[in-house]
Amino acid sequence: MVHPGQNAHGAPSQLVTGDAVVLDLRPAGFATRALALALDIVVQGVSLLLLMLLITAVADGVDPAATMAAYLGLTVLILVGYPVAFETATRGRSLGKMALGLRVVGADGSPERFRQALVRALVAVVEIWTLSGMIALITSLVDRDGRRVGDFAAGTLVVSERTRRTGTGEIPMPPHLAEWACAAELSGLSPDTAAMARQYVLRFAELTPEARHEMGVRIADMVASQVGPPPPPGTTPPDYLAAVLAERRRREAERLMHARNAGTPPAQG
């Protein structure tokens, strides 16, 4: 168990969580987002057309009311089910967003949740499909972060992963935890959790004492659920997270070095 010890277009590359942790995410540009949306619309339109042609082909002699119900069900499935399923399963990415390197996140930088994906999809039926995208176009152009009505309703933002800044700050290993970290099992640590821990450690000095404590305990507990064994008693969250991240970086660098050496052709001579 880890014990607690005694971070807009004006700044387009940073989002600030409700706990004052700064995340290096850049709101997606209007053109990129529009292209991703166009790709999704093509996928949905083609899928809907093919399925309706299939129903028409097999509906001969079937009750017209049942046929209309099938059409309606398919429409809902494609227009609402498609974005909700994809964005929930991939944590904020549809096929179009995958192709353009975009992702939907909460307005505070948190991963998109099912409820948010559902709200975005339901609003999209009106603002994109029913009104031919005019409302979405206007709001995206007016809002400085390019959000459409569905984003406002769901509390989300589309960001560009390909322009995410990779921090260059190197996190040092706390000397008293070096031996523990060397034997720790880190394979279960997810990239998202590691990124969150890294942002906390790098921005530690910018946080209020309350945010340092609350975020430190929360993130350390999250990391501890994926890393073992527990650190030595009395270890503070900042030291624990720094040790995990420093050891993770050391092992990645070691693996890269081994991979390079293994791929180097034998010396001639």
C-alpha atoms as a PDB file:
ATOM      1  CA  MET A   1       0.000   0.000   0.000  1.00  0.00           C
ATOM      2  CA  VAL A   2       1.375   3.395  -0.942  1.00  0.00           C
ATOM      3  CA  HIS A   3       1.159   6.003   1.796  1.00  0.00           C
ATOM      4  CA  PRO A   4       0.810   9.736   1.069  1.00  0.00           C
ATOM      5  CA  GLY A   5       3.754  11.998   1.766  1.00  0.00           C
ATOM      6  CA  GLN A   6       4.088  14.865   4.092  1.00  0.00           C
ATOM      7  CA  ASN A   7      -1.815  21.040 -14.336  1.00  0.00           C
ATOM      8  CA  ALA A   8      -7.832  26.522 -25.499  1.00  0.00           C
ATOM      9  CA  HIS A   9      -6.409  27.903 -28.448  1.00  0.00           C
ATOM     10  CA  GLY A  10      -4.606  30.398 -26.296  1.00  0.00           C
ATOM     11  CA  ALA A  11      -2.655  27.364 -25.083  1.00  0.00           C
ATOM     12  CA  PRO A  12      -3.775  24.767 -27.618  1.00  0.00           C
ATOM     13  CA  SER A  13      -1.389  22.038 -26.570  1.00  0.00           C
ATOM     14  CA  GLN A  14      -2.619  21.699 -22.992  1.00  0.00           C
ATOM     15  CA  LEU A  15      -5.784  20.543 -21.290  1.00  0.00           C
ATOM     16  CA  VAL A  16      -6.213  20.882 -17.548  1.00  0.00           C
ATOM     17  CA  THR A  17      -8.075  18.227 -15.612  1.00  0.00           C
ATOM     18  CA  GLY A  18     -10.435  19.024 -12.771  1.00  0.00           C
ATOM     19  CA  ASP A  19      -7.605  18.093 -10.428  1.00  0.00           C
ATOM     20  CA  ALA A  20      -5.246  20.629 -12.028  1.00  0.00           C
ATOM     21  CA  VAL A  21      -3.124  18.055 -13.853  1.00  0.00           C
ATOM     22  CA  VAL A  22      -1.935  19.402 -17.202  1.00  0.00           C
ATOM     23  CA  LEU A  23      -2.308  17.018 -20.127  1.00  0.00           C
ATOM     24  CA  ASP A  24      -0.386  17.582 -23.356  1.00  0.00           C
ATOM     25  CA  LEU A  25      -3.233  17.193 -25.841  1.00  0.00           C
ATOM     26  CA  ARG A  26      -3.990  19.443 -28.797  1.00  0.00           C
ATOM     27  CA  PRO A  27      -7.601  20.037 -29.923  1.00  0.00           C
ATOM     28  CA  ALA A  28      -8.026  18.655 -33.436  1.00  0.00           C
ATOM     29  CA  GLY A  29      -7.972  21.110 -36.326  1.00  0.00           C
ATOM     30  CA  PHE A  30     -11.240  21.820 -38.119  1.00  0.00           C
ATOM     31  CA  ALA A  31     -10.106  20.391 -41.483  1.00  0.00           C
ATOM     32  CA  THR A  32      -8.758  17.182 -39.940  1.00  0.00           C
ATOM     33  CA  ARG A  33     -11.871  16.669 -37.889  1.00  0.00           C
ATOM     34  CA  ALA A  34     -14.134  17.373 -40.866  1.00  0.00           C
ATOM     35  CA  LEU A  35     -12.262  14.805 -42.963  1.00  0.00           C
ATOM     36  CA  ALA A  36     -12.539  12.192 -40.196  1.00  0.00           C
ATOM     37  CA  LEU A  37     -16.278  12.900 -39.962  1.00  0.00           C
ATOM     38  CA  ALA A  38     -16.619  12.598 -43.743  1.00  0.00           C
ATOM     39  CA  LEU A  39     -14.947   9.181 -43.659  1.00  0.00           C
ATOM     40  CA  ASP A  40     -17.313   8.024 -40.930  1.00  0.00           C
ATOM     41  CA  ILE A  41     -20.325   9.328 -42.859  1.00  0.00           C
ATOM     42  CA  VAL A  42     -19.196   7.406 -45.960  1.00  0.00           C
ATOM     43  CA  VAL A  43     -18.787   4.214 -43.920  1.00  0.00           C
ATOM     44  CA  GLN A  44     -22.188   4.665 -42.283  1.00  0.00           C
ATOM     45  CA  GLY A  45     -23.914   5.645 -45.542  1.00  0.00           C
ATOM     46  CA  VAL A  46     -22.523   2.695 -47.502  1.00  0.00           C
ATOM     47  CA  SER A  47     -23.319   0.279 -44.672  1.00  0.00           C
ATOM     48  CA  LEU A  48     -26.863   1.588 -44.399  1.00  0.00           C
ATOM     49  CA  LEU A  49     -27.418   1.393 -48.169  1.00  0.00           C
ATOM     50  CA  LEU A  50     -26.128  -2.173 -48.415  1.00  0.00           C
ATOM     51  CA  LEU A  51     -28.213  -3.380 -45.488  1.00  0.00           C
ATOM     52  CA  MET A  52     -31.356  -1.703 -46.823  1.00  0.00           C
ATOM     53  CA  LEU A  53     -30.806  -3.288 -50.243  1.00  0.00           C
ATOM     54  CA  LEU A  54     -30.455  -6.633 -48.491  1.00  0.00           C
ATOM     55  CA  ILE A  55     -33.715  -6.124 -46.590  1.00  0.00           C
ATOM     56  CA  THR A  56     -35.478  -5.056 -49.802  1.00  0.00           C
ATOM     57  CA  ALA A  57     -34.252  -8.200 -51.532  1.00  0.00           C
ATOM     58  CA  VAL A  58     -35.542 -10.551 -48.836  1.00  0.00           C
ATOM     59  CA  ALA A  59     -38.670  -8.618 -47.832  1.00  0.00           C
ATOM     60  CA  ASP A  60     -40.839  -9.749 -50.774  1.00  0.00           C
ATOM     61  CA  GLY A  61     -44.134 -10.898 -49.321  1.00  0.00           C
ATOM     62  CA  VAL A  62     -43.261  -9.713 -45.811  1.00  0.00           C
ATOM     63  CA  ASP A  63     -45.630  -7.465 -43.893  1.00  0.00           C
ATOM     64  CA  PRO A  64     -44.831  -3.821 -44.881  1.00  0.00           C
ATOM     65  CA  ALA A  65     -44.957  -2.763 -41.234  1.00  0.00           C
ATOM     66  CA  ALA A  66     -42.304  -5.322 -40.365  1.00  0.00           C
ATOM     67  CA  THR A  67     -40.176  -4.122 -43.274  1.00  0.00           C
ATOM     68  CA  MET A  68     -40.426  -0.517 -42.120  1.00  0.00           C
ATOM     69  CA  ALA A  69     -39.536  -1.573 -38.578  1.00  0.00           C
ATOM     70  CA  ALA A  70     -36.455  -3.337 -39.950  1.00  0.00           C
ATOM     71  CA  TYR A  71     -35.464  -0.212 -41.904  1.00  0.00           C
ATOM     72  CA  LEU A  72     -35.873   1.923 -38.785  1.00  0.00           C
ATOM     73  CA  GLY A  73     -33.921  -0.517 -36.641  1.00  0.00           C
ATOM     74  CA  LEU A  74     -31.050  -0.610 -39.123  1.00  0.00           C
ATOM     75  CA  THR A  75     -30.984   3.173 -39.345  1.00  0.00           C
ATOM     76  CA  VAL A  76     -30.677   3.483 -35.584  1.00  0.00           C
ATOM     77  CA  LEU A  77     -28.060   0.717 -35.514  1.00  0.00           C
ATOM     78  CA  ILE A  78     -25.867   2.409 -38.120  1.00  0.00           C
ATOM     79  CA  LEU A  79     -26.335   6.062 -37.150  1.00  0.00           C
ATOM     80  CA  VAL A  80     -26.178   5.581 -33.375  1.00  0.00           C
ATOM     81  CA  GLY A  81     -24.820   2.095 -32.722  1.00  0.00           C
ATOM     82  CA  TYR A  82     -21.792   2.443 -35.010  1.00  0.00           C
ATOM     83  CA  PRO A  83     -20.197   5.506 -33.345  1.00  0.00           C
ATOM     84  CA  VAL A  84     -21.149   4.402 -29.829  1.00  0.00           C
ATOM     85  CA  ALA A  85     -19.725   0.906 -30.278  1.00  0.00           C
ATOM     86  CA  PHE A  86     -16.500   2.052 -31.906  1.00  0.00           C
ATOM     87  CA  GLU A  87     -15.815   4.979 -29.586  1.00  0.00           C
ATOM     88  CA  THR A  88     -16.565   2.901 -26.498  1.00  0.00           C
ATOM     89  CA  ALA A  89     -14.467  -0.085 -27.595  1.00  0.00           C
ATOM     90  CA  THR A  90     -11.505   2.006 -28.762  1.00  0.00           C
ATOM     91  CA  ARG A  91     -11.695   4.658 -26.033  1.00  0.00           C
ATOM     92  CA  GLY A  92     -12.782   7.525 -28.234  1.00  0.00           C
ATOM     93  CA  ARG A  93     -11.940   6.557 -31.811  1.00  0.00           C
ATOM     94  CA  SER A  94     -14.156   5.762 -34.786  1.00  0.00           C
ATOM     95  CA  LEU A  95     -12.775   4.469 -38.087  1.00  0.00           C
ATOM     96  CA  GLY A  96     -12.459   8.020 -39.400  1.00  0.00           C
ATOM     97  CA  LYS A  97     -10.692   9.217 -36.267  1.00  0.00           C
ATOM     98  CA  MET A  98      -8.324   6.247 -36.354  1.00  0.00           C
ATOM     99  CA  ALA A  99      -7.367   7.128 -39.931  1.00  0.00           C
ATOM    100  CA  LEU A 100      -6.681  10.771 -39.034  1.00  0.00           C
ATOM    101  CA  GLY A 101      -5.064  10.180 -35.627  1.00  0.00           C
ATOM    102  CA  LEU A 102      -7.881  11.723 -33.591  1.00  0.00           C
ATOM    103  CA  ARG A 103      -9.538  10.713 -30.332  1.00  0.00           C
ATOM    104  CA  VAL A 104     -12.528  11.887 -28.301  1.00  0.00           C
ATOM    105  CA  VAL A 105     -11.744  12.671 -24.663  1.00  0.00           C
ATOM    106  CA  GLY A 106     -13.643  14.241 -21.810  1.00  0.00           C
ATOM    107  CA  ALA A 107     -13.390  18.014 -21.527  1.00  0.00           C
ATOM    108  CA  ASP A 108     -11.039  17.435 -18.583  1.00  0.00           C
ATOM    109  CA  GLY A 109      -8.791  15.114 -20.593  1.00  0.00           C
ATOM    110  CA  SER A 110     -10.266  11.880 -19.216  1.00  0.00           C
ATOM    111  CA  PRO A 111     -11.078   8.919 -21.521  1.00  0.00           C
ATOM    112  CA  GLU A 112     -14.468   9.078 -23.233  1.00  0.00           C
ATOM    113  CA  ARG A 113     -17.149   7.074 -21.432  1.00  0.00           C
ATOM    114  CA  PHE A 114     -20.099   5.116 -22.867  1.00  0.00           C
ATOM    115  CA  ARG A 115     -22.590   7.765 -21.734  1.00  0.00           C
ATOM    116  CA  GLN A 116     -20.617  10.476 -23.518  1.00  0.00           C
ATOM    117  CA  ALA A 117     -20.355   8.424 -26.722  1.00  0.00           C
ATOM    118  CA  LEU A 118     -24.109   7.810 -26.633  1.00  0.00           C
ATOM    119  CA  VAL A 119     -24.930  11.493 -26.136  1.00  0.00           C
ATOM    120  CA  ARG A 120     -22.627  12.514 -28.997  1.00  0.00           C
ATOM    121  CA  ALA A 121     -24.213   9.941 -31.316  1.00  0.00           C
ATOM    122  CA  LEU A 122     -27.787  10.911 -30.441  1.00  0.00           C
ATOM    123  CA  VAL A 123     -27.112  14.612 -30.959  1.00  0.00           C
ATOM    124  CA  ALA A 124     -25.324  13.815 -34.235  1.00  0.00           C
ATOM    125  CA  VAL A 125     -28.559  12.347 -35.620  1.00  0.00           C
ATOM    126  CA  VAL A 126     -30.013  15.851 -35.483  1.00  0.00           C
ATOM    127  CA  GLU A 127     -27.079  18.182 -36.038  1.00  0.00           C
ATOM    128  CA  ILE A 128     -25.308  16.103 -38.709  1.00  0.00           C
ATOM    129  CA  TRP A 129     -27.790  13.759 -40.351  1.00  0.00           C
ATOM    130  CA  THR A 130     -31.105  15.618 -40.052  1.00  0.00           C
ATOM    131  CA  LEU A 131     -29.696  19.134 -40.612  1.00  0.00           C
ATOM    132  CA  SER A 132     -27.012  18.073 -43.121  1.00  0.00           C
ATOM    133  CA  GLY A 133     -24.221  19.041 -40.767  1.00  0.00           C
ATOM    134  CA  MET A 134     -24.896  22.776 -40.873  1.00  0.00           C
ATOM    135  CA  ILE A 135     -25.244  23.157 -37.107  1.00  0.00           C
ATOM    136  CA  ALA A 136     -22.106  21.093 -36.519  1.00  0.00           C
ATOM    137  CA  LEU A 137     -20.232  23.205 -39.076  1.00  0.00           C
ATOM    138  CA  ILE A 138     -21.264  26.504 -37.509  1.00  0.00           C
ATOM    139  CA  THR A 139     -20.522  25.529 -33.913  1.00  0.00           C
ATOM    140  CA  SER A 140     -17.175  23.963 -34.856  1.00  0.00           C
ATOM    141  CA  LEU A 141     -16.147  27.161 -36.618  1.00  0.00           C
ATOM    142  CA  VAL A 142     -17.293  29.407 -33.768  1.00  0.00           C
ATOM    143  CA  ASP A 143     -15.876  27.412 -30.857  1.00  0.00           C
ATOM    144  CA  ARG A 144     -12.144  27.919 -30.373  1.00  0.00           C
ATOM    145  CA  ASP A 145     -11.637  24.186 -29.702  1.00  0.00           C
ATOM    146  CA  GLY A 146     -13.734  23.118 -32.690  1.00  0.00           C
ATOM    147  CA  ARG A 147     -16.476  21.468 -30.634  1.00  0.00           C
ATOM    148  CA  ARG A 148     -19.880  20.684 -32.098  1.00  0.00           C
ATOM    149  CA  VAL A 149     -23.180  20.650 -30.201  1.00  0.00           C
ATOM    150  CA  GLY A 150     -22.733  16.965 -29.385  1.00  0.00           C
ATOM    151  CA  ASP A 151     -19.432  17.741 -27.670  1.00  0.00           C
ATOM    152  CA  PHE A 152     -21.012  20.447 -25.538  1.00  0.00           C
ATOM    153  CA  ALA A 153     -23.863  18.115 -24.578  1.00  0.00           C
ATOM    154  CA  ALA A 154     -21.523  15.222 -23.751  1.00  0.00           C
ATOM    155  CA  GLY A 155     -18.715  17.278 -22.228  1.00  0.00           C
ATOM    156  CA  THR A 156     -16.142  16.042 -24.736  1.00  0.00           C
ATOM    157  CA  LEU A 157     -13.417  17.318 -27.023  1.00  0.00           C
ATOM    158  CA  VAL A 158     -11.744  15.816 -30.096  1.00  0.00           C
ATOM    159  CA  VAL A 159      -7.958  15.922 -29.834  1.00  0.00           C
ATOM    160  CA  SER A 160      -5.116  15.063 -32.177  1.00  0.00           C
ATOM    161  CA  GLU A 161      -2.931  12.225 -30.940  1.00  0.00           C
ATOM    162  CA  ARG A 162      -0.370  12.746 -33.673  1.00  0.00           C
ATOM    163  CA  THR A 163       0.490  16.196 -32.333  1.00  0.00           C
ATOM    164  CA  ARG A 164       0.673  15.118 -28.735  1.00  0.00           C
ATOM    165  CA  ARG A 165       3.879  16.494 -27.314  1.00  0.00           C
ATOM    166  CA  THR A 166       6.167  13.937 -25.796  1.00  0.00           C
ATOM    167  CA  GLY A 167       7.737  15.310 -22.673  1.00  0.00           C
ATOM    168  CA  THR A 168      11.514  15.418 -22.732  1.00  0.00           C
ATOM    169  CA  GLY A 169      11.958  15.677 -18.984  1.00  0.00           C
ATOM    170  CA  GLU A 170      13.758  12.641 -17.617  1.00  0.00           C
ATOM    171  CA  ILE A 171      12.429  11.360 -14.310  1.00  0.00           C
ATOM    172  CA  PRO A 172      15.287  10.273 -11.991  1.00  0.00           C
ATOM    173  CA  MET A 173      15.198   7.124  -9.911  1.00  0.00           C
ATOM    174  CA  PRO A 174      14.848   7.748  -6.153  1.00  0.00           C
ATOM    175  CA  PRO A 175      18.051   6.060  -4.870  1.00  0.00           C
ATOM    176  CA  HIS A 176      16.335   4.342  -1.945  1.00  0.00           C
ATOM    177  CA  LEU A 177      13.878   2.620  -4.310  1.00  0.00           C
ATOM    178  CA  ALA A 178      16.345   1.472  -6.971  1.00  0.00           C
ATOM    179  CA  GLU A 179      16.685  -2.053  -5.599  1.00  0.00           C
ATOM    180  CA  TRP A 180      12.913  -2.489  -5.202  1.00  0.00           C
ATOM    181  CA  ALA A 181      12.217  -1.130  -8.702  1.00  0.00           C
ATOM    182  CA  CYS A 182      14.775  -3.464 -10.283  1.00  0.00           C
ATOM    183  CA  ALA A 183      12.775  -6.479  -9.091  1.00  0.00           C
ATOM    184  CA  ALA A 184       9.294  -5.002  -9.662  1.00  0.00           C
ATOM    185  CA  GLU A 185       6.900  -6.542 -12.176  1.00  0.00           C
ATOM    186  CA  LEU A 186       5.908  -3.735 -14.555  1.00  0.00           C
ATOM    187  CA  SER A 187       4.426  -5.648 -17.482  1.00  0.00           C
ATOM    188  CA  GLY A 188       0.879  -4.957 -16.302  1.00  0.00           C
ATOM    189  CA  LEU A 189       1.318  -1.179 -16.318  1.00  0.00           C
ATOM    190  CA  SER A 190      -0.832   0.262 -19.104  1.00  0.00           C
ATOM    191  CA  PRO A 191       0.445   3.113 -21.325  1.00  0.00           C
ATOM    192  CA  ASP A 192      -2.456   5.333 -20.259  1.00  0.00           C
ATOM    193  CA  THR A 193      -1.720   4.846 -16.573  1.00  0.00           C
ATOM    194  CA  ALA A 194       1.998   5.415 -17.133  1.00  0.00           C
ATOM    195  CA  ALA A 195       1.262   8.622 -19.072  1.00  0.00           C
ATOM    196  CA  MET A 196      -0.976   9.880 -16.281  1.00  0.00           C
ATOM    197  CA  ALA A 197       1.689   9.106 -13.682  1.00  0.00           C
ATOM    198  CA  ARG A 198       4.331  10.841 -15.790  1.00  0.00           C
ATOM    199  CA  GLN A 199       2.269  14.009 -16.091  1.00  0.00           C
ATOM    200  CA  TYR A 200       1.721  14.042 -12.345  1.00  0.00           C
ATOM    201  CA  VAL A 201       5.434  13.669 -11.546  1.00  0.00           C
ATOM    202  CA  LEU A 202       6.560  16.214 -14.151  1.00  0.00           C
ATOM    203  CA  ARG A 203       3.949  18.768 -13.046  1.00  0.00           C
ATOM    204  CA  PHE A 204       4.280  18.068  -9.328  1.00  0.00           C
ATOM    205  CA  ALA A 205       5.784  21.477  -8.522  1.00  0.00           C
ATOM    206  CA  GLU A 206       2.909  23.266 -10.301  1.00  0.00           C
ATOM    207  CA  LEU A 207       0.162  21.587  -8.272  1.00  0.00           C
ATOM    208  CA  THR A 208      -1.452  22.888  -5.125  1.00  0.00           C
ATOM    209  CA  PRO A 209      -0.689  20.906  -1.941  1.00  0.00           C
ATOM    210  CA  GLU A 210      -4.222  19.518  -1.991  1.00  0.00           C
ATOM    211  CA  ALA A 211      -3.932  18.377  -5.609  1.00  0.00           C
ATOM    212  CA  ARG A 212      -0.503  16.864  -4.926  1.00  0.00           C
ATOM    213  CA  HIS A 213      -1.940  14.765  -2.129  1.00  0.00           C
ATOM    214  CA  GLU A 214      -5.251  13.743  -3.702  1.00  0.00           C
ATOM    215  CA  MET A 215      -3.911  13.064  -7.189  1.00  0.00           C
ATOM    216  CA  GLY A 216      -0.791  11.396  -5.823  1.00  0.00           C
ATOM    217  CA  VAL A 217      -2.749   8.900  -3.743  1.00  0.00           C
ATOM    218  CA  ARG A 218      -5.247   8.234  -6.524  1.00  0.00           C
ATOM    219  CA  ILE A 219      -2.662   7.678  -9.268  1.00  0.00           C
ATOM    220  CA  ALA A 220      -0.352   5.696  -6.985  1.00  0.00           C
ATOM    221  CA  ASP A 221      -3.222   3.360  -6.086  1.00  0.00           C
ATOM    222  CA  MET A 222      -4.000   2.957  -9.787  1.00  0.00           C
ATOM    223  CA  VAL A 223      -0.375   2.125 -10.564  1.00  0.00           C
ATOM    224  CA  ALA A 224      -0.128  -0.196  -7.554  1.00  0.00           C
ATOM    225  CA  SER A 225      -3.055  -2.232  -8.925  1.00  0.00           C
ATOM    226  CA  GLN A 226      -0.978  -2.924 -12.050  1.00  0.00           C
ATOM    227  CA  VAL A 227       2.514  -3.213 -10.545  1.00  0.00           C
ATOM    228  CA  GLY A 228       3.925  -5.573  -7.933  1.00  0.00           C
ATOM    229  CA  PRO A 229       5.135  -6.127  -5.345  1.00  0.00           C
ATOM    230  CA  PRO A 230       4.153  -3.136  -3.141  1.00  0.00           C
ATOM    231  CA  PRO A 231       6.925  -0.614  -2.438  1.00  0.00           C
ATOM    232  CA  PRO A 232       8.684  -0.431   0.945  1.00  0.00           C
ATOM    233  CA  PRO A 233       6.505   0.872   3.803  1.00  0.00           C
ATOM    234  CA  GLY A 234       6.423   4.638   4.090  1.00  0.00           C
ATOM    235  CA  THR A 235       7.065   5.267   0.389  1.00  0.00           C
ATOM    236  CA  THR A 236       5.399   8.477  -0.754  1.00  0.00           C
ATOM    237  CA  PRO A 237       3.336   8.574  -3.968  1.00  0.00           C
ATOM    238  CA  PRO A 238       5.759  10.903  -5.833  1.00  0.00           C
ATOM    239  CA  ASP A 239       8.758   8.688  -5.039  1.00  0.00           C
ATOM    240  CA  TYR A 240       6.823   5.524  -5.860  1.00  0.00           C
ATOM    241  CA  LEU A 241       5.632   6.841  -9.217  1.00  0.00           C
ATOM    242  CA  ALA A 242       9.075   8.222 -10.059  1.00  0.00           C
ATOM    243  CA  ALA A 243      10.665   4.853  -9.299  1.00  0.00           C
ATOM    244  CA  VAL A 244       8.173   2.965 -11.473  1.00  0.00           C
ATOM    245  CA  LEU A 245       8.568   5.372 -14.380  1.00  0.00           C
ATOM    246  CA  ALA A 246      12.361   5.537 -14.169  1.00  0.00           C
ATOM    247  CA  GLU A 247      12.632   1.736 -14.079  1.00  0.00           C
ATOM    248  CA  ARG A 248      10.158   1.404 -16.941  1.00  0.00           C
ATOM    249  CA  ARG A 249      12.195   3.819 -19.018  1.00  0.00           C
ATOM    250  CA  ARG A 250      15.437   1.982 -18.169  1.00  0.00           C
ATOM    251  CA  ARG A 251      13.978  -1.338 -19.277  1.00  0.00           C
ATOM    252  CA  GLU A 252      12.604   0.124 -22.507  1.00  0.00           C
ATOM    253  CA  ALA A 253      15.994   1.642 -23.307  1.00  0.00           C
ATOM    254  CA  GLU A 254      17.631  -1.707 -22.555  1.00  0.00           C
ATOM    255  CA  ARG A 255      15.226  -3.547 -24.850  1.00  0.00           C
ATOM    256  CA  LEU A 256      15.854  -1.068 -27.653  1.00  0.00           C
ATOM    257  CA  MET A 257      19.585  -1.497 -27.266  1.00  0.00           C
ATOM    258  CA  HIS A 258      19.297  -5.285 -27.392  1.00  0.00           C
ATOM    259  CA  ALA A 259      17.057  -5.034 -30.468  1.00  0.00           C
ATOM    260  CA  ARG A 260      19.574  -2.803 -32.244  1.00  0.00           C
ATOM    261  CA  ASN A 261      22.430  -5.103 -31.375  1.00  0.00           C
ATOM    262  CA  ALA A 262      20.493  -8.141 -32.558  1.00  0.00           C
ATOM    263  CA  GLY A 263      19.723  -6.444 -35.862  1.00  0.00           C
ATOM    264  CA  THR A 264      23.288  -5.221 -36.489  1.00  0.00           C
ATOM    265  CA  PRO A 265      25.002  -7.197 -39.261  1.00  0.00           C
ATOM    266  CA  PRO A 266      28.246  -8.877 -38.217  1.00  0.00           C
ATOM    267  CA  ALA A 267      31.358  -6.791 -38.646  1.00  0.00           C
ATOM    268  CA  GLN A 268      33.418  -7.444 -41.765  1.00  0.00           C
ATOM    269  CA  GLY A 269      37.149  -8.075 -41.657  1.00  0.00           C
END
